[in-house]
Amino acid sequence: MSLKDGLILEFLAEHDLELPAKPLYRNLNRHGHEIGYSTVRQRLGVLEDYGLIEKVDEAGYYAISSNGEAYLAGNLDVSELESED
């Protein structure tokens, strides 16, 4: 997990959003978080691999998963998760 992972998870949870990479990148920066588009794309893949976010449709929209919510609440240790790759 990187600091950017927590930022992405918190943003999706706090705003109750389903977003693809580009709008997520734009909104993160609009809200004062300095993060690059390539970083957002890369981290979304990692977060999905570990089940902390889920793709909600084939258009590439992502939402925080129940595991992601549990992680943010302090009820899940990510070291216990395995990548789906």
PDB file of N, CA and C in Angstrom:
ATOM      1  N   MET A   1       0.848  -1.183   0.000  1.00  0.00           N
ATOM      2  CA  MET A   1       0.000   0.000   0.000  1.00  0.00           C
ATOM      3  C   MET A   1       0.890   1.241   0.000  1.00  0.00           C
ATOM      4  N   SER A   2       0.472   2.213  -0.773  1.00  0.00           N
ATOM      5  CA  SER A   2       1.175   3.487  -0.776  1.00  0.00           C
ATOM      6  C   SER A   2       0.258   4.559  -0.191  1.00  0.00           C
ATOM      7  N   LEU A   3       0.822   5.712   0.077  1.00  0.00           N
ATOM      8  CA  LEU A   3       0.005   6.817   0.586  1.00  0.00           C
ATOM      9  C   LEU A   3      -1.095   7.197  -0.396  1.00  0.00           C
ATOM     10  N   LYS A   4      -0.803   7.066  -1.675  1.00  0.00           N
ATOM     11  CA  LYS A   4      -1.794   7.400  -2.705  1.00  0.00           C
ATOM     12  C   LYS A   4      -2.967   6.423  -2.681  1.00  0.00           C
ATOM     13  N   ASP A   5      -2.715   5.180  -2.283  1.00  0.00           N
ATOM     14  CA  ASP A   5      -3.802   4.200  -2.198  1.00  0.00           C
ATOM     15  C   ASP A   5      -4.839   4.647  -1.178  1.00  0.00           C
ATOM     16  N   GLY A   6      -4.371   5.046  -0.015  1.00  0.00           N
ATOM     17  CA  GLY A   6      -5.282   5.529   1.020  1.00  0.00           C
ATOM     18  C   GLY A   6      -6.046   6.753   0.562  1.00  0.00           C
ATOM     19  N   LEU A   7      -5.375   7.635  -0.141  1.00  0.00           N
ATOM     20  CA  LEU A   7      -6.012   8.837  -0.661  1.00  0.00           C
ATOM     21  C   LEU A   7      -7.146   8.480  -1.620  1.00  0.00           C
ATOM     22  N   ILE A   8      -6.891   7.556  -2.527  1.00  0.00           N
ATOM     23  CA  ILE A   8      -7.904   7.141  -3.495  1.00  0.00           C
ATOM     24  C   ILE A   8      -9.081   6.481  -2.784  1.00  0.00           C
ATOM     25  N   LEU A   9      -8.787   5.569  -1.867  1.00  0.00           N
ATOM     26  CA  LEU A   9      -9.860   4.898  -1.128  1.00  0.00           C
ATOM     27  C   LEU A   9     -10.707   5.886  -0.332  1.00  0.00           C
ATOM     28  N   GLU A  10     -10.046   6.782   0.376  1.00  0.00           N
ATOM     29  CA  GLU A  10     -10.773   7.772   1.175  1.00  0.00           C
ATOM     30  C   GLU A  10     -11.631   8.678   0.300  1.00  0.00           C
ATOM     31  N   PHE A  11     -11.115   9.081  -0.837  1.00  0.00           N
ATOM     32  CA  PHE A  11     -11.865   9.963  -1.728  1.00  0.00           C
ATOM     33  C   PHE A  11     -13.113   9.269  -2.253  1.00  0.00           C
ATOM     34  N   LEU A  12     -12.966   8.031  -2.716  1.00  0.00           N
ATOM     35  CA  LEU A  12     -14.123   7.292  -3.223  1.00  0.00           C
ATOM     36  C   LEU A  12     -15.163   7.069  -2.128  1.00  0.00           C
ATOM     37  N   ALA A  13     -14.700   6.738  -0.930  1.00  0.00           N
ATOM     38  CA  ALA A  13     -15.622   6.480   0.179  1.00  0.00           C
ATOM     39  C   ALA A  13     -16.294   7.762   0.659  1.00  0.00           C
ATOM     40  N   GLU A  14     -15.509   8.798   0.859  1.00  0.00           N
ATOM     41  CA  GLU A  14     -16.032  10.055   1.396  1.00  0.00           C
ATOM     42  C   GLU A  14     -17.091  10.673   0.489  1.00  0.00           C
ATOM     43  N   HIS A  15     -16.872  10.565  -0.816  1.00  0.00           N
ATOM     44  CA  HIS A  15     -17.789  11.187  -1.773  1.00  0.00           C
ATOM     45  C   HIS A  15     -18.794  10.189  -2.359  1.00  0.00           C
ATOM     46  N   ASP A  16     -18.718   8.922  -1.920  1.00  0.00           N
ATOM     47  CA  ASP A  16     -19.618   7.867  -2.389  1.00  0.00           C
ATOM     48  C   ASP A  16     -19.716   7.870  -3.910  1.00  0.00           C
ATOM     49  N   LEU A  17     -18.541   7.701  -4.551  1.00  0.00           N
ATOM     50  CA  LEU A  17     -18.455   7.828  -6.001  1.00  0.00           C
ATOM     51  C   LEU A  17     -18.120   6.520  -6.696  1.00  0.00           C
ATOM     52  N   GLU A  18     -18.553   6.450  -7.944  1.00  0.00           N
ATOM     53  CA  GLU A  18     -18.097   5.444  -8.903  1.00  0.00           C
ATOM     54  C   GLU A  18     -17.500   6.236 -10.056  1.00  0.00           C
ATOM     55  N   LEU A  19     -16.189   6.072 -10.284  1.00  0.00           N
ATOM     56  CA  LEU A  19     -15.505   6.874 -11.298  1.00  0.00           C
ATOM     57  C   LEU A  19     -14.491   6.061 -12.074  1.00  0.00           C
ATOM     58  N   PRO A  20     -14.292   6.393 -13.358  1.00  0.00           N
ATOM     59  CA  PRO A  20     -13.147   5.845 -14.089  1.00  0.00           C
ATOM     60  C   PRO A  20     -11.892   6.650 -13.735  1.00  0.00           C
ATOM     61  N   ALA A  21     -10.754   6.194 -14.209  1.00  0.00           N
ATOM     62  CA  ALA A  21      -9.468   6.782 -13.824  1.00  0.00           C
ATOM     63  C   ALA A  21      -9.365   8.279 -14.108  1.00  0.00           C
ATOM     64  N   LYS A  22      -9.697   8.714 -15.315  1.00  0.00           N
ATOM     65  CA  LYS A  22      -9.485  10.119 -15.682  1.00  0.00           C
ATOM     66  C   LYS A  22     -10.322  11.077 -14.815  1.00  0.00           C
ATOM     67  N   PRO A  23     -11.630  10.868 -14.664  1.00  0.00           N
ATOM     68  CA  PRO A  23     -12.394  11.757 -13.784  1.00  0.00           C
ATOM     69  C   PRO A  23     -11.947  11.675 -12.318  1.00  0.00           C
ATOM     70  N   LEU A  24     -11.510  10.496 -11.873  1.00  0.00           N
ATOM     71  CA  LEU A  24     -11.001  10.385 -10.508  1.00  0.00           C
ATOM     72  C   LEU A  24      -9.753  11.245 -10.355  1.00  0.00           C
ATOM     73  N   TYR A  25      -8.842  11.133 -11.304  1.00  0.00           N
ATOM     74  CA  TYR A  25      -7.620  11.958 -11.306  1.00  0.00           C
ATOM     75  C   TYR A  25      -7.972  13.447 -11.273  1.00  0.00           C
ATOM     76  N   ARG A  26      -8.879  13.863 -12.137  1.00  0.00           N
ATOM     77  CA  ARG A  26      -9.246  15.286 -12.209  1.00  0.00           C
ATOM     78  C   ARG A  26      -9.869  15.767 -10.905  1.00  0.00           C
ATOM     79  N   ASN A  27     -10.741  14.964 -10.323  1.00  0.00           N
ATOM     80  CA  ASN A  27     -11.405  15.383  -9.088  1.00  0.00           C
ATOM     81  C   ASN A  27     -10.471  15.365  -7.890  1.00  0.00           C
ATOM     82  N   LEU A  28      -9.567  14.421  -7.843  1.00  0.00           N
ATOM     83  CA  LEU A  28      -8.577  14.434  -6.767  1.00  0.00           C
ATOM     84  C   LEU A  28      -7.766  15.720  -6.806  1.00  0.00           C
ATOM     85  N   ASN A  29      -7.303  16.098  -7.986  1.00  0.00           N
ATOM     86  CA  ASN A  29      -6.521  17.323  -8.121  1.00  0.00           C
ATOM     87  C   ASN A  29      -7.373  18.560  -7.874  1.00  0.00           C
ATOM     88  N   ARG A  30      -8.610  18.537  -8.299  1.00  0.00           N
ATOM     89  CA  ARG A  30      -9.534  19.650  -8.075  1.00  0.00           C
ATOM     90  C   ARG A  30      -9.754  19.897  -6.584  1.00  0.00           C
ATOM     91  N   HIS A  31      -9.668  18.817  -5.805  1.00  0.00           N
ATOM     92  CA  HIS A  31      -9.851  18.915  -4.355  1.00  0.00           C
ATOM     93  C   HIS A  31      -8.519  19.086  -3.622  1.00  0.00           C
ATOM     94  N   GLY A  32      -7.463  19.441  -4.347  1.00  0.00           N
ATOM     95  CA  GLY A  32      -6.198  19.804  -3.728  1.00  0.00           C
ATOM     96  C   GLY A  32      -5.197  18.682  -3.528  1.00  0.00           C
ATOM     97  N   HIS A  33      -5.475  17.517  -4.057  1.00  0.00           N
ATOM     98  CA  HIS A  33      -4.541  16.396  -3.924  1.00  0.00           C
ATOM     99  C   HIS A  33      -3.674  16.339  -5.171  1.00  0.00           C
ATOM    100  N   GLU A  34      -2.389  16.461  -5.009  1.00  0.00           N
ATOM    101  CA  GLU A  34      -1.488  16.418  -6.154  1.00  0.00           C
ATOM    102  C   GLU A  34      -1.129  14.973  -6.455  1.00  0.00           C
ATOM    103  N   ILE A  35      -1.693  14.476  -7.545  1.00  0.00           N
ATOM    104  CA  ILE A  35      -1.466  13.098  -7.952  1.00  0.00           C
ATOM    105  C   ILE A  35      -1.539  13.046  -9.470  1.00  0.00           C
ATOM    106  N   GLY A  36      -0.653  12.306 -10.087  1.00  0.00           N
ATOM    107  CA  GLY A  36      -0.611  12.211 -11.541  1.00  0.00           C
ATOM    108  C   GLY A  36      -1.601  11.190 -12.083  1.00  0.00           C
ATOM    109  N   TYR A  37      -1.987  11.385 -13.313  1.00  0.00           N
ATOM    110  CA  TYR A  37      -2.939  10.480 -13.954  1.00  0.00           C
ATOM    111  C   TYR A  37      -2.378   9.064 -14.038  1.00  0.00           C
ATOM    112  N   SER A  38      -1.108   8.929 -14.409  1.00  0.00           N
ATOM    113  CA  SER A  38      -0.514   7.587 -14.512  1.00  0.00           C
ATOM    114  C   SER A  38      -0.487   6.896 -13.144  1.00  0.00           C
ATOM    115  N   THR A  39      -0.283   7.675 -12.094  1.00  0.00           N
ATOM    116  CA  THR A  39      -0.302   7.118 -10.736  1.00  0.00           C
ATOM    117  C   THR A  39      -1.693   6.610 -10.390  1.00  0.00           C
ATOM    118  N   VAL A  40      -2.719   7.395 -10.709  1.00  0.00           N
ATOM    119  CA  VAL A  40      -4.096   6.973 -10.437  1.00  0.00           C
ATOM    120  C   VAL A  40      -4.389   5.669 -11.174  1.00  0.00           C
ATOM    121  N   ARG A  41      -4.046   5.605 -12.459  1.00  0.00           N
ATOM    122  CA  ARG A  41      -4.307   4.394 -13.244  1.00  0.00           C
ATOM    123  C   ARG A  41      -3.593   3.186 -12.647  1.00  0.00           C
ATOM    124  N   GLN A  42      -2.328   3.379 -12.295  1.00  0.00           N
ATOM    125  CA  GLN A  42      -1.542   2.279 -11.734  1.00  0.00           C
ATOM    126  C   GLN A  42      -2.120   1.819 -10.397  1.00  0.00           C
ATOM    127  N   ARG A  43      -2.431   2.756  -9.520  1.00  0.00           N
ATOM    128  CA  ARG A  43      -2.912   2.404  -8.188  1.00  0.00           C
ATOM    129  C   ARG A  43      -4.300   1.780  -8.240  1.00  0.00           C
ATOM    130  N   LEU A  44      -5.149   2.195  -9.184  1.00  0.00           N
ATOM    131  CA  LEU A  44      -6.459   1.558  -9.325  1.00  0.00           C
ATOM    132  C   LEU A  44      -6.291   0.074  -9.626  1.00  0.00           C
ATOM    133  N   GLY A  45      -5.329  -0.246 -10.490  1.00  0.00           N
ATOM    134  CA  GLY A  45      -5.065  -1.652 -10.799  1.00  0.00           C
ATOM    135  C   GLY A  45      -4.629  -2.436  -9.583  1.00  0.00           C
ATOM    136  N   VAL A  46      -3.749  -1.866  -8.792  1.00  0.00           N
ATOM    137  CA  VAL A  46      -3.262  -2.542  -7.586  1.00  0.00           C
ATOM    138  C   VAL A  46      -4.402  -2.697  -6.576  1.00  0.00           C
ATOM    139  N   LEU A  47      -5.161  -1.632  -6.364  1.00  0.00           N
ATOM    140  CA  LEU A  47      -6.274  -1.693  -5.411  1.00  0.00           C
ATOM    141  C   LEU A  47      -7.315  -2.729  -5.840  1.00  0.00           C
ATOM    142  N   GLU A  48      -7.551  -2.824  -7.140  1.00  0.00           N
ATOM    143  CA  GLU A  48      -8.491  -3.832  -7.638  1.00  0.00           C
ATOM    144  C   GLU A  48      -7.923  -5.241  -7.437  1.00  0.00           C
ATOM    145  N   ASP A  49      -6.634  -5.418  -7.711  1.00  0.00           N
ATOM    146  CA  ASP A  49      -5.995  -6.726  -7.531  1.00  0.00           C
ATOM    147  C   ASP A  49      -6.146  -7.234  -6.093  1.00  0.00           C
ATOM    148  N   TYR A  50      -6.121  -6.328  -5.128  1.00  0.00           N
ATOM    149  CA  TYR A  50      -6.232  -6.706  -3.722  1.00  0.00           C
ATOM    150  C   TYR A  50      -7.664  -6.643  -3.203  1.00  0.00           C
ATOM    151  N   GLY A  51      -8.616  -6.350  -4.069  1.00  0.00           N
ATOM    152  CA  GLY A  51     -10.019  -6.370  -3.673  1.00  0.00           C
ATOM    153  C   GLY A  51     -10.478  -5.195  -2.843  1.00  0.00           C
ATOM    154  N   LEU A  52      -9.709  -4.090  -2.859  1.00  0.00           N
ATOM    155  CA  LEU A  52     -10.089  -2.914  -2.076  1.00  0.00           C
ATOM    156  C   LEU A  52     -11.011  -1.978  -2.848  1.00  0.00           C
ATOM    157  N   ILE A  53     -10.999  -2.111  -4.167  1.00  0.00           N
ATOM    158  CA  ILE A  53     -11.973  -1.437  -5.018  1.00  0.00           C
ATOM    159  C   ILE A  53     -12.487  -2.476  -5.993  1.00  0.00           C
ATOM    160  N   GLU A  54     -13.596  -2.163  -6.635  1.00  0.00           N
ATOM    161  CA  GLU A  54     -14.133  -3.088  -7.617  1.00  0.00           C
ATOM    162  C   GLU A  54     -14.589  -2.326  -8.848  1.00  0.00           C
ATOM    163  N   LYS A  55     -14.412  -2.974  -9.992  1.00  0.00           N
ATOM    164  CA  LYS A  55     -14.886  -2.405 -11.246  1.00  0.00           C
ATOM    165  C   LYS A  55     -16.388  -2.658 -11.289  1.00  0.00           C
ATOM    166  N   VAL A  56     -17.169  -1.586 -11.473  1.00  0.00           N
ATOM    167  CA  VAL A  56     -18.621  -1.738 -11.406  1.00  0.00           C
ATOM    168  C   VAL A  56     -19.256  -1.917 -12.771  1.00  0.00           C
ATOM    169  N   ASP A  57     -18.505  -1.660 -13.842  1.00  0.00           N
ATOM    170  CA  ASP A  57     -19.026  -1.907 -15.188  1.00  0.00           C
ATOM    171  C   ASP A  57     -17.882  -2.008 -16.182  1.00  0.00           C
ATOM    172  N   GLU A  58     -18.218  -2.334 -17.403  1.00  0.00           N
ATOM    173  CA  GLU A  58     -17.201  -2.511 -18.437  1.00  0.00           C
ATOM    174  C   GLU A  58     -16.637  -1.194 -18.962  1.00  0.00           C
ATOM    175  N   ALA A  59     -17.235  -0.088 -18.591  1.00  0.00           N
ATOM    176  CA  ALA A  59     -16.728   1.225 -19.003  1.00  0.00           C
ATOM    177  C   ALA A  59     -15.551   1.665 -18.132  1.00  0.00           C
ATOM    178  N   GLY A  60     -15.205   0.871 -17.131  1.00  0.00           N
ATOM    179  CA  GLY A  60     -14.044   1.175 -16.304  1.00  0.00           C
ATOM    180  C   GLY A  60     -14.332   2.026 -15.085  1.00  0.00           C
ATOM    181  N   TYR A  61     -15.559   2.017 -14.618  1.00  0.00           N
ATOM    182  CA  TYR A  61     -15.896   2.740 -13.390  1.00  0.00           C
ATOM    183  C   TYR A  61     -15.522   1.885 -12.184  1.00  0.00           C
ATOM    184  N   TYR A  62     -14.945   2.544 -11.177  1.00  0.00           N
ATOM    185  CA  TYR A  62     -14.517   1.870  -9.956  1.00  0.00           C
ATOM    186  C   TYR A  62     -15.223   2.468  -8.752  1.00  0.00           C
ATOM    187  N   ALA A  63     -15.468   1.609  -7.762  1.00  0.00           N
ATOM    188  CA  ALA A  63     -16.038   2.029  -6.481  1.00  0.00           C
ATOM    189  C   ALA A  63     -15.274   1.303  -5.379  1.00  0.00           C
ATOM    190  N   ILE A  64     -15.301   1.856  -4.201  1.00  0.00           N
ATOM    191  CA  ILE A  64     -14.667   1.186  -3.072  1.00  0.00           C
ATOM    192  C   ILE A  64     -15.467  -0.071  -2.741  1.00  0.00           C
ATOM    193  N   SER A  65     -14.781  -1.121  -2.378  1.00  0.00           N
ATOM    194  CA  SER A  65     -15.428  -2.396  -2.042  1.00  0.00           C
ATOM    195  C   SER A  65     -15.661  -2.472  -0.530  1.00  0.00           C
ATOM    196  N   SER A  66     -16.325  -3.533  -0.111  1.00  0.00           N
ATOM    197  CA  SER A  66     -16.538  -3.723   1.332  1.00  0.00           C
ATOM    198  C   SER A  66     -15.191  -3.936   2.041  1.00  0.00           C
ATOM    199  N   ASN A  67     -14.229  -4.589   1.361  1.00  0.00           N
ATOM    200  CA  ASN A  67     -12.893  -4.725   1.952  1.00  0.00           C
ATOM    201  C   ASN A  67     -12.208  -3.373   2.080  1.00  0.00           C
ATOM    202  N   GLY A  68     -12.401  -2.505   1.087  1.00  0.00           N
ATOM    203  CA  GLY A  68     -11.839  -1.161   1.158  1.00  0.00           C
ATOM    204  C   GLY A  68     -12.427  -0.365   2.305  1.00  0.00           C
ATOM    205  N   GLU A  69     -13.722  -0.494   2.499  1.00  0.00           N
ATOM    206  CA  GLU A  69     -14.398   0.175   3.624  1.00  0.00           C
ATOM    207  C   GLU A  69     -13.862  -0.366   4.949  1.00  0.00           C
ATOM    208  N   ALA A  70     -13.696  -1.678   5.035  1.00  0.00           N
ATOM    209  CA  ALA A  70     -13.178  -2.293   6.258  1.00  0.00           C
ATOM    210  C   ALA A  70     -11.758  -1.822   6.535  1.00  0.00           C
ATOM    211  N   TYR A  71     -10.949  -1.698   5.500  1.00  0.00           N
ATOM    212  CA  TYR A  71      -9.580  -1.199   5.658  1.00  0.00           C
ATOM    213  C   TYR A  71      -9.588   0.220   6.226  1.00  0.00           C
ATOM    214  N   LEU A  72     -10.417   1.086   5.651  1.00  0.00           N
ATOM    215  CA  LEU A  72     -10.480   2.473   6.122  1.00  0.00           C
ATOM    216  C   LEU A  72     -10.973   2.557   7.570  1.00  0.00           C
ATOM    217  N   ALA A  73     -11.836   1.646   7.959  1.00  0.00           N
ATOM    218  CA  ALA A  73     -12.373   1.632   9.323  1.00  0.00           C
ATOM    219  C   ALA A  73     -11.392   1.006  10.315  1.00  0.00           C
ATOM    220  N   GLY A  74     -10.277   0.474   9.807  1.00  0.00           N
ATOM    221  CA  GLY A  74      -9.288  -0.153  10.673  1.00  0.00           C
ATOM    222  C   GLY A  74      -9.617  -1.587  11.034  1.00  0.00           C
ATOM    223  N   ASN A  75     -10.544  -2.184  10.298  1.00  0.00           N
ATOM    224  CA  ASN A  75     -10.970  -3.549  10.589  1.00  0.00           C
ATOM    225  C   ASN A  75     -10.350  -4.593   9.669  1.00  0.00           C
ATOM    226  N   LEU A  76      -9.422  -4.180   8.832  1.00  0.00           N
ATOM    227  CA  LEU A  76      -8.785  -5.095   7.895  1.00  0.00           C
ATOM    228  C   LEU A  76      -7.323  -4.724   7.746  1.00  0.00           C
ATOM    229  N   ASP A  77      -6.465  -5.705   7.920  1.00  0.00           N
ATOM    230  CA  ASP A  77      -5.025  -5.524   7.728  1.00  0.00           C
ATOM    231  C   ASP A  77      -4.701  -5.965   6.305  1.00  0.00           C
ATOM    232  N   VAL A  78      -4.220  -5.043   5.489  1.00  0.00           N
ATOM    233  CA  VAL A  78      -3.969  -5.373   4.085  1.00  0.00           C
ATOM    234  C   VAL A  78      -2.883  -6.417   3.903  1.00  0.00           C
ATOM    235  N   SER A  79      -2.057  -6.630   4.924  1.00  0.00           N
ATOM    236  CA  SER A  79      -1.037  -7.666   4.796  1.00  0.00           C
ATOM    237  C   SER A  79      -1.669  -9.067   4.741  1.00  0.00           C
ATOM    238  N   GLU A  80      -2.942  -9.152   5.138  1.00  0.00           N
ATOM    239  CA  GLU A  80      -3.647 -10.434   5.090  1.00  0.00           C
ATOM    240  C   GLU A  80      -4.274 -10.700   3.716  1.00  0.00           C
ATOM    241  N   LEU A  81      -4.321  -9.689   2.865  1.00  0.00           N
ATOM    242  CA  LEU A  81      -4.935  -9.832   1.547  1.00  0.00           C
ATOM    243  C   LEU A  81      -3.936 -10.394   0.551  1.00  0.00           C
ATOM    244  N   GLU A  82      -4.448 -11.136  -0.403  1.00  0.00           N
ATOM    245  CA  GLU A  82      -3.615 -11.653  -1.481  1.00  0.00           C
ATOM    246  C   GLU A  82      -4.057 -11.034  -2.790  1.00  0.00           C
ATOM    247  N   SER A  83      -3.101 -10.746  -3.629  1.00  0.00           N
ATOM    248  CA  SER A  83      -3.406 -10.211  -4.953  1.00  0.00           C
ATOM    249  C   SER A  83      -4.080 -11.286  -5.779  1.00  0.00           C
ATOM    250  N   GLU A  84      -5.026 -10.870  -6.610  1.00  0.00           N
ATOM    251  CA  GLU A  84      -5.714 -11.805  -7.484  1.00  0.00           C
ATOM    252  C   GLU A  84      -4.874 -12.149  -8.706  1.00  0.00           C
ATOM    253  N   ASP A  85      -3.738 -11.487  -8.894  1.00  0.00           N
ATOM    254  CA  ASP A  85      -2.842 -11.785 -10.032  1.00  0.00           C
ATOM    255  C   ASP A  85      -2.040 -13.030  -9.785  1.00  0.00           C
TER     256      ASP A  85
END
